[in-house]
PDB file of N, CA and C in Angstrom:
ATOM      1  N   MET A   1     109.344 129.567  84.576  1.00  0.00           N
ATOM      2  CA  MET A   1     110.724 128.929  84.671  1.00  0.00           C
ATOM      3  C   MET A   1     110.594 127.621  85.439  1.00  0.00           C
ATOM      4  N   THR A   2     111.121 126.559  84.813  1.00  0.00           N
ATOM      5  CA  THR A   2     110.977 125.195  85.473  1.00  0.00           C
ATOM      6  C   THR A   2     112.078 125.073  86.639  1.00  0.00           C
ATOM      7  N   THR A   3     111.629 124.677  87.680  1.00  0.00           N
ATOM      8  CA  THR A   3     112.601 124.447  88.771  1.00  0.00           C
ATOM      9  C   THR A   3     112.832 122.820  88.953  1.00  0.00           C
ATOM     10  N   TYR A   4     114.050 122.431  89.247  1.00  0.00           N
ATOM     11  CA  TYR A   4     114.258 121.104  89.550  1.00  0.00           C
ATOM     12  C   TYR A   4     114.921 120.910  90.926  1.00  0.00           C
ATOM     13  N   ARG A   5     114.669 119.764  91.538  1.00  0.00           N
ATOM     14  CA  ARG A   5     115.257 119.481  92.850  1.00  0.00           C
ATOM     15  C   ARG A   5     115.818 118.089  92.788  1.00  0.00           C
ATOM     16  N   GLN A   6     116.821 117.832  93.606  1.00  0.00           N
ATOM     17  CA  GLN A   6     117.383 116.462  93.730  1.00  0.00           C
ATOM     18  C   GLN A   6     116.682 115.845  94.919  1.00  0.00           C
ATOM     19  N   ILE A   7     116.331 114.674  94.950  1.00  0.00           N
ATOM     20  CA  ILE A   7     115.678 113.911  95.944  1.00  0.00           C
ATOM     21  C   ILE A   7     116.563 112.838  96.594  1.00  0.00           C
ATOM     22  N   THR A   8     116.794 112.898  97.797  1.00  0.00           N
ATOM     23  CA  THR A   8     117.594 111.971  98.473  1.00  0.00           C
ATOM     24  C   THR A   8     116.728 111.124  99.510  1.00  0.00           C
ATOM     25  N   VAL A   9     117.336 110.023  99.916  1.00  0.00           N
ATOM     26  CA  VAL A   9     116.715 109.172 100.827  1.00  0.00           C
ATOM     27  C   VAL A   9     117.594 108.971 102.098  1.00  0.00           C
ATOM     28  N   GLY A  10     116.848 109.160 103.168  1.00  0.00           N
ATOM     29  CA  GLY A  10     117.479 108.954 104.581  1.00  0.00           C
ATOM     30  C   GLY A  10     118.794 109.732 104.800  1.00  0.00           C
ATOM     31  N   GLU A  11     119.437 109.286 105.963  1.00  0.00           N
ATOM     32  CA  GLU A  11     120.577 109.955 106.413  1.00  0.00           C
ATOM     33  C   GLU A  11     121.715 109.733 105.463  1.00  0.00           C
ATOM     34  N   SER A  12     121.734 108.606 104.725  1.00  0.00           N
ATOM     35  CA  SER A  12     122.859 108.320 103.714  1.00  0.00           C
ATOM     36  C   SER A  12     122.907 109.357 102.649  1.00  0.00           C
ATOM     37  N   GLY A  13     121.842 109.908 102.275  1.00  0.00           N
ATOM     38  CA  GLY A  13     121.818 110.863 101.090  1.00  0.00           C
ATOM     39  C   GLY A  13     121.857 110.164  99.763  1.00  0.00           C
ATOM     40  N   ARG A  14     121.383 108.889  99.811  1.00  0.00           N
ATOM     41  CA  ARG A  14     121.331 108.199  98.529  1.00  0.00           C
ATOM     42  C   ARG A  14     120.437 108.874  97.583  1.00  0.00           C
ATOM     43  N   ILE A  15     120.779 109.051  96.305  1.00  0.00           N
ATOM     44  CA  ILE A  15     120.061 109.876  95.448  1.00  0.00           C
ATOM     45  C   ILE A  15     118.896 108.928  94.933  1.00  0.00           C
ATOM     46  N   LEU A  16     117.576 109.406  95.000  1.00  0.00           N
ATOM     47  CA  LEU A  16     116.406 108.815  94.463  1.00  0.00           C
ATOM     48  C   LEU A  16     116.275 109.316  93.123  1.00  0.00           C
ATOM     49  N   LEU A  17     116.220 110.639  92.889  1.00  0.00           N
ATOM     50  CA  LEU A  17     116.137 111.259  91.563  1.00  0.00           C
ATOM     51  C   LEU A  17     117.057 112.423  91.537  1.00  0.00           C
ATOM     52  N   LYS A  18     117.879 112.494  90.528  1.00  0.00           N
ATOM     53  CA  LYS A  18     118.864 113.536  90.335  1.00  0.00           C
ATOM     54  C   LYS A  18     118.295 114.861  90.124  1.00  0.00           C
ATOM     55  N   ARG A  19     117.232 114.891  89.254  1.00  0.00           N
ATOM     56  CA  ARG A  19     116.563 116.106  88.698  1.00  0.00           C
ATOM     57  C   ARG A  19     115.033 115.888  88.528  1.00  0.00           C
ATOM     58  N   ALA A  20     114.373 116.097  89.635  1.00  0.00           N
ATOM     59  CA  ALA A  20     112.874 115.965  89.651  1.00  0.00           C
ATOM     60  C   ALA A  20     112.237 117.427  89.365  1.00  0.00           C
ATOM     61  N   ARG A  21     111.299 117.464  88.546  1.00  0.00           N
ATOM     62  CA  ARG A  21     110.624 118.666  88.156  1.00  0.00           C
ATOM     63  C   ARG A  21     109.791 119.107  89.398  1.00  0.00           C
ATOM     64  N   TRP A  22     109.898 120.335  89.921  1.00  0.00           N
ATOM     65  CA  TRP A  22     109.171 120.826  91.109  1.00  0.00           C
ATOM     66  C   TRP A  22     108.023 121.460  90.609  1.00  0.00           C
ATOM     67  N   CYS A  23     106.799 120.846  90.913  1.00  0.00           N
ATOM     68  CA  CYS A  23     105.515 121.338  90.452  1.00  0.00           C
ATOM     69  C   CYS A  23     104.644 121.925  91.506  1.00  0.00           C
ATOM     70  N   ASP A  24     104.736 123.267  91.735  1.00  0.00           N
ATOM     71  CA  ASP A  24     104.066 123.939  92.925  1.00  0.00           C
ATOM     72  C   ASP A  24     103.066 124.841  92.370  1.00  0.00           C
ATOM     73  N   SER A  25     102.803 125.017  91.160  1.00  0.00           N
ATOM     74  CA  SER A  25     101.710 125.897  90.673  1.00  0.00           C
ATOM     75  C   SER A  25     100.610 124.890  90.114  1.00  0.00           C
ATOM     76  N   PHE A  26      99.317 125.463  90.034  1.00  0.00           N
ATOM     77  CA  PHE A  26      98.212 124.762  89.631  1.00  0.00           C
ATOM     78  C   PHE A  26      98.386 124.200  88.236  1.00  0.00           C
ATOM     79  N   GLY A  27      98.854 124.940  87.279  1.00  0.00           N
ATOM     80  CA  GLY A  27      99.162 124.361  85.926  1.00  0.00           C
ATOM     81  C   GLY A  27     100.130 123.324  85.852  1.00  0.00           C
ATOM     82  N   SER A  28     101.327 123.419  86.545  1.00  0.00           N
ATOM     83  CA  SER A  28     102.294 122.325  86.517  1.00  0.00           C
ATOM     84  C   SER A  28     101.828 121.129  87.203  1.00  0.00           C
ATOM     85  N   LYS A  29     101.007 121.185  88.242  1.00  0.00           N
ATOM     86  CA  LYS A  29     100.440 120.017  88.739  1.00  0.00           C
ATOM     87  C   LYS A  29      99.442 119.330  87.975  1.00  0.00           C
ATOM     88  N   LEU A  30      98.625 120.235  87.290  1.00  0.00           N
ATOM     89  CA  LEU A  30      97.547 119.630  86.481  1.00  0.00           C
ATOM     90  C   LEU A  30      98.170 118.961  85.161  1.00  0.00           C
ATOM     91  N   ARG A  31      99.211 119.536  84.701  1.00  0.00           N
ATOM     92  CA  ARG A  31      99.973 118.931  83.613  1.00  0.00           C
ATOM     93  C   ARG A  31     100.630 117.574  83.927  1.00  0.00           C
ATOM     94  N   GLY A  32     101.451 117.556  84.893  1.00  0.00           N
ATOM     95  CA  GLY A  32     102.122 116.388  85.335  1.00  0.00           C
ATOM     96  C   GLY A  32     102.673 115.553  84.199  1.00  0.00           C
ATOM     97  N   PHE A  33     102.447 114.203  84.172  1.00  0.00           N
ATOM     98  CA  PHE A  33     102.796 113.379  83.027  1.00  0.00           C
ATOM     99  C   PHE A  33     101.741 113.216  81.966  1.00  0.00           C
ATOM    100  N   THR A  34     100.660 113.857  82.031  1.00  0.00           N
ATOM    101  CA  THR A  34      99.593 113.729  81.121  1.00  0.00           C
ATOM    102  C   THR A  34     100.016 113.940  79.698  1.00  0.00           C
ATOM    103  N   PHE A  35      99.539 113.086  78.826  1.00  0.00           N
ATOM    104  CA  PHE A  35      99.829 113.166  77.324  1.00  0.00           C
ATOM    105  C   PHE A  35     101.428 112.921  77.091  1.00  0.00           C
ATOM    106  N   HIS A  36     102.225 112.732  78.025  1.00  0.00           N
ATOM    107  CA  HIS A  36     103.477 112.182  77.645  1.00  0.00           C
ATOM    108  C   HIS A  36     103.490 110.727  77.065  1.00  0.00           C
ATOM    109  N   ARG A  37     104.301 110.515  76.137  1.00  0.00           N
ATOM    110  CA  ARG A  37     104.209 109.213  75.470  1.00  0.00           C
ATOM    111  C   ARG A  37     105.328 108.229  76.082  1.00  0.00           C
ATOM    112  N   ARG A  38     106.360 108.687  76.614  1.00  0.00           N
ATOM    113  CA  ARG A  38     107.354 107.919  77.192  1.00  0.00           C
ATOM    114  C   ARG A  38     107.869 108.382  78.554  1.00  0.00           C
ATOM    115  N   LEU A  39     108.446 107.615  79.292  1.00  0.00           N
ATOM    116  CA  LEU A  39     109.076 107.962  80.631  1.00  0.00           C
ATOM    117  C   LEU A  39     110.454 107.240  80.774  1.00  0.00           C
ATOM    118  N   ALA A  40     111.442 108.061  80.846  1.00  0.00           N
ATOM    119  CA  ALA A  40     112.843 107.693  80.980  1.00  0.00           C
ATOM    120  C   ALA A  40     112.998 107.240  82.480  1.00  0.00           C
ATOM    121  N   SER A  41     113.983 106.438  82.735  1.00  0.00           N
ATOM    122  CA  SER A  41     114.104 105.886  84.066  1.00  0.00           C
ATOM    123  C   SER A  41     114.593 106.947  85.131  1.00  0.00           C
ATOM    124  N   ASP A  42     115.014 108.080  84.608  1.00  0.00           N
ATOM    125  CA  ASP A  42     115.593 109.217  85.499  1.00  0.00           C
ATOM    126  C   ASP A  42     114.431 110.384  85.428  1.00  0.00           C
ATOM    127  N   ASP A  43     113.294 110.247  84.775  1.00  0.00           N
ATOM    128  CA  ASP A  43     112.280 111.349  84.796  1.00  0.00           C
ATOM    129  C   ASP A  43     111.592 111.261  86.096  1.00  0.00           C
ATOM    130  N   GLY A  44     111.218 112.421  86.634  1.00  0.00           N
ATOM    131  CA  GLY A  44     110.538 112.459  87.915  1.00  0.00           C
ATOM    132  C   GLY A  44     109.963 113.843  88.094  1.00  0.00           C
ATOM    133  N   LEU A  45     108.963 113.925  88.867  1.00  0.00           N
ATOM    134  CA  LEU A  45     108.273 115.246  89.164  1.00  0.00           C
ATOM    135  C   LEU A  45     107.817 115.130  90.643  1.00  0.00           C
ATOM    136  N   VAL A  46     107.772 116.287  91.322  1.00  0.00           N
ATOM    137  CA  VAL A  46     107.120 116.446  92.708  1.00  0.00           C
ATOM    138  C   VAL A  46     105.996 117.397  92.635  1.00  0.00           C
ATOM    139  N   LEU A  47     104.868 116.839  92.999  1.00  0.00           N
ATOM    140  CA  LEU A  47     103.540 117.723  93.132  1.00  0.00           C
ATOM    141  C   LEU A  47     103.623 118.304  94.520  1.00  0.00           C
ATOM    142  N   VAL A  48     103.588 119.626  94.705  1.00  0.00           N
ATOM    143  CA  VAL A  48     103.686 120.213  96.029  1.00  0.00           C
ATOM    144  C   VAL A  48     102.408 120.917  96.570  1.00  0.00           C
ATOM    145  N   GLU A  49     101.961 120.546  97.650  1.00  0.00           N
ATOM    146  CA  GLU A  49     100.860 121.130  98.178  1.00  0.00           C
ATOM    147  C   GLU A  49     101.280 122.026  99.343  1.00  0.00           C
ATOM    148  N   LYS A  50     100.338 122.929  99.871  1.00  0.00           N
ATOM    149  CA  LYS A  50     100.769 123.810 100.952  1.00  0.00           C
ATOM    150  C   LYS A  50     100.781 123.182 102.331  1.00  0.00           C
ATOM    151  N   ARG A  51     100.050 122.127 102.442  1.00  0.00           N
ATOM    152  CA  ARG A  51      99.980 121.427 103.753  1.00  0.00           C
ATOM    153  C   ARG A  51      99.638 119.875 103.592  1.00  0.00           C
ATOM    154  N   ASP A  52      99.788 119.106 104.535  1.00  0.00           N
ATOM    155  CA  ASP A  52      99.486 117.677 104.487  1.00  0.00           C
ATOM    156  C   ASP A  52      98.028 117.631 104.251  1.00  0.00           C
ATOM    157  N   SER A  53      97.663 116.668 103.309  1.00  0.00           N
ATOM    158  CA  SER A  53      96.193 116.320 103.013  1.00  0.00           C
ATOM    159  C   SER A  53      96.057 115.088 102.271  1.00  0.00           C
ATOM    160  N   ARG A  54      95.122 114.444 102.526  1.00  0.00           N
ATOM    161  CA  ARG A  54      94.747 113.130 101.619  1.00  0.00           C
ATOM    162  C   ARG A  54      94.133 113.560 100.331  1.00  0.00           C
ATOM    163  N   ALA A  55      93.185 114.421 100.413  1.00  0.00           N
ATOM    164  CA  ALA A  55      92.342 114.902  99.258  1.00  0.00           C
ATOM    165  C   ALA A  55      93.193 115.587  98.319  1.00  0.00           C
ATOM    166  N   ALA A  56      94.085 116.507  98.771  1.00  0.00           N
ATOM    167  CA  ALA A  56      94.822 117.463  97.809  1.00  0.00           C
ATOM    168  C   ALA A  56      95.908 116.690  97.154  1.00  0.00           C
ATOM    169  N   THR A  57      96.307 115.635  97.667  1.00  0.00           N
ATOM    170  CA  THR A  57      97.453 114.835  97.081  1.00  0.00           C
ATOM    171  C   THR A  57      96.984 113.610  96.393  1.00  0.00           C
ATOM    172  N   ALA A  58      95.692 113.366  96.288  1.00  0.00           N
ATOM    173  CA  ALA A  58      95.170 112.331  95.465  1.00  0.00           C
ATOM    174  C   ALA A  58      95.408 112.623  93.918  1.00  0.00           C
ATOM    175  N   ILE A  59      95.746 111.597  93.157  1.00  0.00           N
ATOM    176  CA  ILE A  59      96.123 111.774  91.832  1.00  0.00           C
ATOM    177  C   ILE A  59      95.236 110.958  90.961  1.00  0.00           C
ATOM    178  N   HIS A  60      95.192 111.346  89.634  1.00  0.00           N
ATOM    179  CA  HIS A  60      94.447 110.517  88.557  1.00  0.00           C
ATOM    180  C   HIS A  60      95.533 110.076  87.542  1.00  0.00           C
ATOM    181  N   MET A  61      95.236 109.099  86.729  1.00  0.00           N
ATOM    182  CA  MET A  61      96.049 108.651  85.683  1.00  0.00           C
ATOM    183  C   MET A  61      95.381 108.796  84.356  1.00  0.00           C
ATOM    184  N   LEU A  62      94.432 109.537  84.228  1.00  0.00           N
ATOM    185  CA  LEU A  62      93.778 109.812  82.952  1.00  0.00           C
ATOM    186  C   LEU A  62      94.758 110.432  81.934  1.00  0.00           C
ATOM    187  N   PHE A  63      94.892 109.944  80.733  1.00  0.00           N
ATOM    188  CA  PHE A  63      95.788 110.474  79.677  1.00  0.00           C
ATOM    189  C   PHE A  63      97.189 110.326  80.129  1.00  0.00           C
ATOM    190  N   VAL A  64      97.558 109.387  80.942  1.00  0.00           N
ATOM    191  CA  VAL A  64      98.869 108.947  81.262  1.00  0.00           C
ATOM    192  C   VAL A  64      98.951 107.535  80.690  1.00  0.00           C
ATOM    193  N   PHE A  65     100.003 107.357  79.786  1.00  0.00           N
ATOM    194  CA  PHE A  65     100.135 106.191  79.058  1.00  0.00           C
ATOM    195  C   PHE A  65     101.020 105.100  79.470  1.00  0.00           C
ATOM    196  N   PHE A  66     101.585 105.158  80.691  1.00  0.00           N
ATOM    197  CA  PHE A  66     102.571 104.318  81.283  1.00  0.00           C
ATOM    198  C   PHE A  66     102.276 104.230  82.704  1.00  0.00           C
ATOM    199  N   ASP A  67     103.002 103.093  83.457  1.00  0.00           N
ATOM    200  CA  ASP A  67     102.907 103.002  84.872  1.00  0.00           C
ATOM    201  C   ASP A  67     103.762 104.092  85.474  1.00  0.00           C
ATOM    202  N   LEU A  68     103.348 104.388  86.666  1.00  0.00           N
ATOM    203  CA  LEU A  68     104.235 105.274  87.504  1.00  0.00           C
ATOM    204  C   LEU A  68     104.374 104.779  88.781  1.00  0.00           C
ATOM    205  N   GLY A  69     105.682 105.004  89.281  1.00  0.00           N
ATOM    206  CA  GLY A  69     105.950 104.692  90.755  1.00  0.00           C
ATOM    207  C   GLY A  69     105.530 105.977  91.426  1.00  0.00           C
ATOM    208  N   VAL A  70     104.718 105.905  92.387  1.00  0.00           N
ATOM    209  CA  VAL A  70     104.165 107.154  93.170  1.00  0.00           C
ATOM    210  C   VAL A  70     104.409 106.974  94.620  1.00  0.00           C
ATOM    211  N   ILE A  71     105.066 108.007  95.236  1.00  0.00           N
ATOM    212  CA  ILE A  71     105.419 108.018  96.535  1.00  0.00           C
ATOM    213  C   ILE A  71     104.878 109.237  97.295  1.00  0.00           C
ATOM    214  N   TRP A  72     104.115 109.114  98.366  1.00  0.00           N
ATOM    215  CA  TRP A  72     103.606 110.278  99.182  1.00  0.00           C
ATOM    216  C   TRP A  72     104.531 110.540 100.294  1.00  0.00           C
ATOM    217  N   VAL A  73     104.826 111.843 100.469  1.00  0.00           N
ATOM    218  CA  VAL A  73     105.733 112.288 101.552  1.00  0.00           C
ATOM    219  C   VAL A  73     104.958 113.383 102.370  1.00  0.00           C
ATOM    220  N   ASN A  74     105.041 113.228 103.663  1.00  0.00           N
ATOM    221  CA  ASN A  74     104.354 114.280 104.501  1.00  0.00           C
ATOM    222  C   ASN A  74     105.225 115.446 104.661  1.00  0.00           C
ATOM    223  N   ASP A  75     104.828 116.506 105.404  1.00  0.00           N
ATOM    224  CA  ASP A  75     105.622 117.733 105.633  1.00  0.00           C
ATOM    225  C   ASP A  75     106.858 117.451 106.357  1.00  0.00           C
ATOM    226  N   ALA A  76     106.840 116.445 107.173  1.00  0.00           N
ATOM    227  CA  ALA A  76     108.089 116.090 108.061  1.00  0.00           C
ATOM    228  C   ALA A  76     109.030 115.281 107.152  1.00  0.00           C
ATOM    229  N   GLY A  77     108.776 115.088 105.915  1.00  0.00           N
ATOM    230  CA  GLY A  77     109.728 114.373 104.974  1.00  0.00           C
ATOM    231  C   GLY A  77     109.637 112.823 105.062  1.00  0.00           C
ATOM    232  N   GLN A  78     108.607 112.243 105.679  1.00  0.00           N
ATOM    233  CA  GLN A  78     108.465 110.849 105.906  1.00  0.00           C
ATOM    234  C   GLN A  78     107.554 110.268 104.868  1.00  0.00           C
ATOM    235  N   VAL A  79     107.949 109.195 104.201  1.00  0.00           N
ATOM    236  CA  VAL A  79     107.155 108.527 103.260  1.00  0.00           C
ATOM    237  C   VAL A  79     105.875 107.865 104.010  1.00  0.00           C
ATOM    238  N   VAL A  80     104.740 108.276 103.558  1.00  0.00           N
ATOM    239  CA  VAL A  80     103.543 107.775 104.158  1.00  0.00           C
ATOM    240  C   VAL A  80     102.778 106.722 103.371  1.00  0.00           C
ATOM    241  N   ASP A  81     103.123 106.737 102.094  1.00  0.00           N
ATOM    242  CA  ASP A  81     102.455 105.666 101.127  1.00  0.00           C
ATOM    243  C   ASP A  81     103.180 105.524  99.947  1.00  0.00           C
ATOM    244  N   LYS A  82     103.013 104.430  99.129  1.00  0.00           N
ATOM    245  CA  LYS A  82     103.536 104.334  97.814  1.00  0.00           C
ATOM    246  C   LYS A  82     102.716 103.394  97.070  1.00  0.00           C
ATOM    247  N   VAL A  83     102.675 103.539  95.685  1.00  0.00           N
ATOM    248  CA  VAL A  83     101.809 102.624  94.818  1.00  0.00           C
ATOM    249  C   VAL A  83     102.363 102.659  93.519  1.00  0.00           C
ATOM    250  N   LEU A  84     102.087 101.534  92.732  1.00  0.00           N
ATOM    251  CA  LEU A  84     102.351 101.473  91.409  1.00  0.00           C
ATOM    252  C   LEU A  84     101.024 101.791  90.678  1.00  0.00           C
ATOM    253  N   ALA A  85     101.076 103.089  90.071  1.00  0.00           N
ATOM    254  CA  ALA A  85      99.849 103.730  89.446  1.00  0.00           C
ATOM    255  C   ALA A  85      99.772 103.252  87.982  1.00  0.00           C
ATOM    256  N   LYS A  86      98.594 102.708  87.605  1.00  0.00           N
ATOM    257  CA  LYS A  86      98.497 102.154  86.277  1.00  0.00           C
ATOM    258  C   LYS A  86      97.669 103.263  85.400  1.00  0.00           C
ATOM    259  N   PRO A  87      98.035 103.147  84.140  1.00  0.00           N
ATOM    260  CA  PRO A  87      97.360 104.136  83.179  1.00  0.00           C
ATOM    261  C   PRO A  87      95.846 104.111  83.214  1.00  0.00           C
ATOM    262  N   TRP A  88      95.220 105.319  83.077  1.00  0.00           N
ATOM    263  CA  TRP A  88      93.905 105.407  82.956  1.00  0.00           C
ATOM    264  C   TRP A  88      92.981 105.172  84.239  1.00  0.00           C
ATOM    265  N   ARG A  89      93.655 105.124  85.413  1.00  0.00           N
ATOM    266  CA  ARG A  89      92.875 104.913  86.520  1.00  0.00           C
ATOM    267  C   ARG A  89      92.351 106.124  87.088  1.00  0.00           C
ATOM    268  N   LEU A  90      91.161 106.196  87.709  1.00  0.00           N
ATOM    269  CA  LEU A  90      90.515 107.476  88.001  1.00  0.00           C
ATOM    270  C   LEU A  90      91.168 108.117  89.273  1.00  0.00           C
ATOM    271  N   SER A  91      91.647 107.320  90.242  1.00  0.00           N
ATOM    272  CA  SER A  91      91.991 107.954  91.354  1.00  0.00           C
ATOM    273  C   SER A  91      92.886 107.000  92.201  1.00  0.00           C
ATOM    274  N   TYR A  92      93.990 107.617  92.810  1.00  0.00           N
ATOM    275  CA  TYR A  92      94.943 107.023  93.809  1.00  0.00           C
ATOM    276  C   TYR A  92      94.952 108.012  94.960  1.00  0.00           C
ATOM    277  N   VAL A  93      94.600 107.547  96.265  1.00  0.00           N
ATOM    278  CA  VAL A  93      94.585 108.537  97.389  1.00  0.00           C
ATOM    279  C   VAL A  93      95.568 107.885  98.313  1.00  0.00           C
ATOM    280  N   PRO A  94      96.380 108.732  98.992  1.00  0.00           N
ATOM    281  CA  PRO A  94      97.336 108.113  99.992  1.00  0.00           C
ATOM    282  C   PRO A  94      96.642 107.590 101.155  1.00  0.00           C
ATOM    283  N   ALA A  95      97.270 106.653 101.891  1.00  0.00           N
ATOM    284  CA  ALA A  95      96.753 106.113 103.097  1.00  0.00           C
ATOM    285  C   ALA A  95      96.735 107.171 104.216  1.00  0.00           C
ATOM    286  N   ALA A  96      97.631 108.041 104.222  1.00  0.00           N
ATOM    287  CA  ALA A  96      97.902 109.059 105.228  1.00  0.00           C
ATOM    288  C   ALA A  96      98.015 110.401 104.515  1.00  0.00           C
ATOM    289  N   PRO A  97      97.762 111.563 105.258  1.00  0.00           N
ATOM    290  CA  PRO A  97      97.945 112.838 104.755  1.00  0.00           C
ATOM    291  C   PRO A  97      99.357 112.990 104.262  1.00  0.00           C
ATOM    292  N   ALA A  98      99.572 113.724 103.167  1.00  0.00           N
ATOM    293  CA  ALA A  98     100.864 113.905 102.640  1.00  0.00           C
ATOM    294  C   ALA A  98     100.867 115.390 102.084  1.00  0.00           C
ATOM    295  N   ARG A  99     102.076 115.922 101.909  1.00  0.00           N
ATOM    296  CA  ARG A  99     102.264 117.271 101.268  1.00  0.00           C
ATOM    297  C   ARG A  99     102.887 117.115  99.789  1.00  0.00           C
ATOM    298  N   TYR A 100     103.708 116.141  99.644  1.00  0.00           N
ATOM    299  CA  TYR A 100     104.418 116.042  98.353  1.00  0.00           C
ATOM    300  C   TYR A 100     104.027 114.640  97.727  1.00  0.00           C
ATOM    301  N   VAL A 101     103.942 114.667  96.318  1.00  0.00           N
ATOM    302  CA  VAL A 101     103.670 113.417  95.626  1.00  0.00           C
ATOM    303  C   VAL A 101     104.957 113.404  94.650  1.00  0.00           C
ATOM    304  N   VAL A 102     105.610 112.322  94.961  1.00  0.00           N
ATOM    305  CA  VAL A 102     106.783 112.067  93.906  1.00  0.00           C
ATOM    306  C   VAL A 102     106.336 111.115  92.892  1.00  0.00           C
ATOM    307  N   GLU A 103     106.448 111.361  91.604  1.00  0.00           N
ATOM    308  CA  GLU A 103     106.043 110.438  90.558  1.00  0.00           C
ATOM    309  C   GLU A 103     107.263 110.293  89.641  1.00  0.00           C
ATOM    310  N   GLY A 104     107.512 109.000  89.213  1.00  0.00           N
ATOM    311  CA  GLY A 104     108.536 108.703  88.451  1.00  0.00           C
ATOM    312  C   GLY A 104     108.490 107.260  87.920  1.00  0.00           C
ATOM    313  N   HIS A 105     109.573 106.763  87.528  1.00  0.00           N
ATOM    314  CA  HIS A 105     109.745 105.318  86.912  1.00  0.00           C
ATOM    315  C   HIS A 105     109.278 104.432  88.106  1.00  0.00           C
ATOM    316  N   PRO A 106     108.583 103.298  87.744  1.00  0.00           N
ATOM    317  CA  PRO A 106     108.220 102.246  88.762  1.00  0.00           C
ATOM    318  C   PRO A 106     109.380 101.791  89.672  1.00  0.00           C
ATOM    319  N   ARG A 107     110.600 101.860  89.192  1.00  0.00           N
ATOM    320  CA  ARG A 107     111.739 101.460  90.081  1.00  0.00           C
ATOM    321  C   ARG A 107     111.902 102.178  91.365  1.00  0.00           C
ATOM    322  N   LEU A 108     111.322 103.365  91.364  1.00  0.00           N
ATOM    323  CA  LEU A 108     111.368 104.185  92.570  1.00  0.00           C
ATOM    324  C   LEU A 108     110.753 103.396  93.820  1.00  0.00           C
ATOM    325  N   LEU A 109     109.812 102.665  93.380  1.00  0.00           N
ATOM    326  CA  LEU A 109     109.074 101.923  94.556  1.00  0.00           C
ATOM    327  C   LEU A 109     109.983 100.867  95.262  1.00  0.00           C
ATOM    328  N   GLU A 110     111.080 100.363  94.526  1.00  0.00           N
ATOM    329  CA  GLU A 110     111.886  99.364  95.130  1.00  0.00           C
ATOM    330  C   GLU A 110     112.988 100.041  95.966  1.00  0.00           C
ATOM    331  N   GLU A 111     113.178 101.382  95.865  1.00  0.00           N
ATOM    332  CA  GLU A 111     114.166 102.097  96.596  1.00  0.00           C
ATOM    333  C   GLU A 111     113.751 102.902  97.794  1.00  0.00           C
ATOM    334  N   VAL A 112     112.471 102.809  98.120  1.00  0.00           N
ATOM    335  CA  VAL A 112     112.081 103.422  99.376  1.00  0.00           C
ATOM    336  C   VAL A 112     110.966 102.543 100.026  1.00  0.00           C
ATOM    337  N   ALA A 113     110.810 102.765 101.263  1.00  0.00           N
ATOM    338  CA  ALA A 113     109.887 102.115 102.023  1.00  0.00           C
ATOM    339  C   ALA A 113     108.956 103.113 102.886  1.00  0.00           C
ATOM    340  N   VAL A 114     107.812 102.813 103.215  1.00  0.00           N
ATOM    341  CA  VAL A 114     106.945 103.527 104.104  1.00  0.00           C
ATOM    342  C   VAL A 114     107.713 103.840 105.325  1.00  0.00           C
ATOM    343  N   GLY A 115     107.804 105.024 105.842  1.00  0.00           N
ATOM    344  CA  GLY A 115     108.620 105.393 107.000  1.00  0.00           C
ATOM    345  C   GLY A 115     109.968 105.969 106.702  1.00  0.00           C
ATOM    346  N   ASP A 116     110.579 105.781 105.581  1.00  0.00           N
ATOM    347  CA  ASP A 116     111.798 106.326 105.134  1.00  0.00           C
ATOM    348  C   ASP A 116     111.714 107.931 105.078  1.00  0.00           C
ATOM    349  N   GLN A 117     112.842 108.496 105.373  1.00  0.00           N
ATOM    350  CA  GLN A 117     112.950 110.016 105.267  1.00  0.00           C
ATOM    351  C   GLN A 117     113.398 110.397 103.992  1.00  0.00           C
ATOM    352  N   ILE A 118     112.779 111.477 103.339  1.00  0.00           N
ATOM    353  CA  ILE A 118     113.086 111.946 102.061  1.00  0.00           C
ATOM    354  C   ILE A 118     113.517 113.482 102.301  1.00  0.00           C
ATOM    355  N   GLN A 119     114.501 113.762 101.363  1.00  0.00           N
ATOM    356  CA  GLN A 119     114.904 115.230 101.422  1.00  0.00           C
ATOM    357  C   GLN A 119     114.942 115.753 100.031  1.00  0.00           C
ATOM    358  N   PHE A 120     114.455 117.007  99.979  1.00  0.00           N
ATOM    359  CA  PHE A 120     114.320 117.675  98.585  1.00  0.00           C
ATOM    360  C   PHE A 120     115.457 118.737  98.695  1.00  0.00           C
ATOM    361  N   GLY A 121     116.481 118.573  97.919  1.00  0.00           N
ATOM    362  CA  GLY A 121     117.502 119.558  97.709  1.00  0.00           C
ATOM    363  C   GLY A 121     117.286 120.574  96.706  1.00  0.00           C
ATOM    364  N   GLU A 122     118.196 121.525  96.599  1.00  0.00           N
ATOM    365  CA  GLU A 122     118.121 122.570  95.644  1.00  0.00           C
ATOM    366  C   GLU A 122     118.651 122.119  94.307  1.00  0.00           C
TER     367      GLU A 122
END
């Protein structure tokens, strides 16, 4: 069963993504956006790890055919890094340990800054 979460920024509760796919299983994290041909402006997913880590939250862009806005968030809900991920790149590793990797349209990068607080609703 696919689970979705709303992602909001800061105390204001401004919506970053209305419905992001929650990926906490090995298979859902492995699949991510690989082999997708298009990305809508409201598409997004959250790759979830058990704890903060740089290695576990590193991503690849093999078989991803479009740019992604990628935001790394630690267990405390703080944005620790962000990057415009390009197709077919071998690796992107966050600058600091993170627990969550938010992937979506590149516009996401304009809407958050390192240090912002992120909340994952139900």
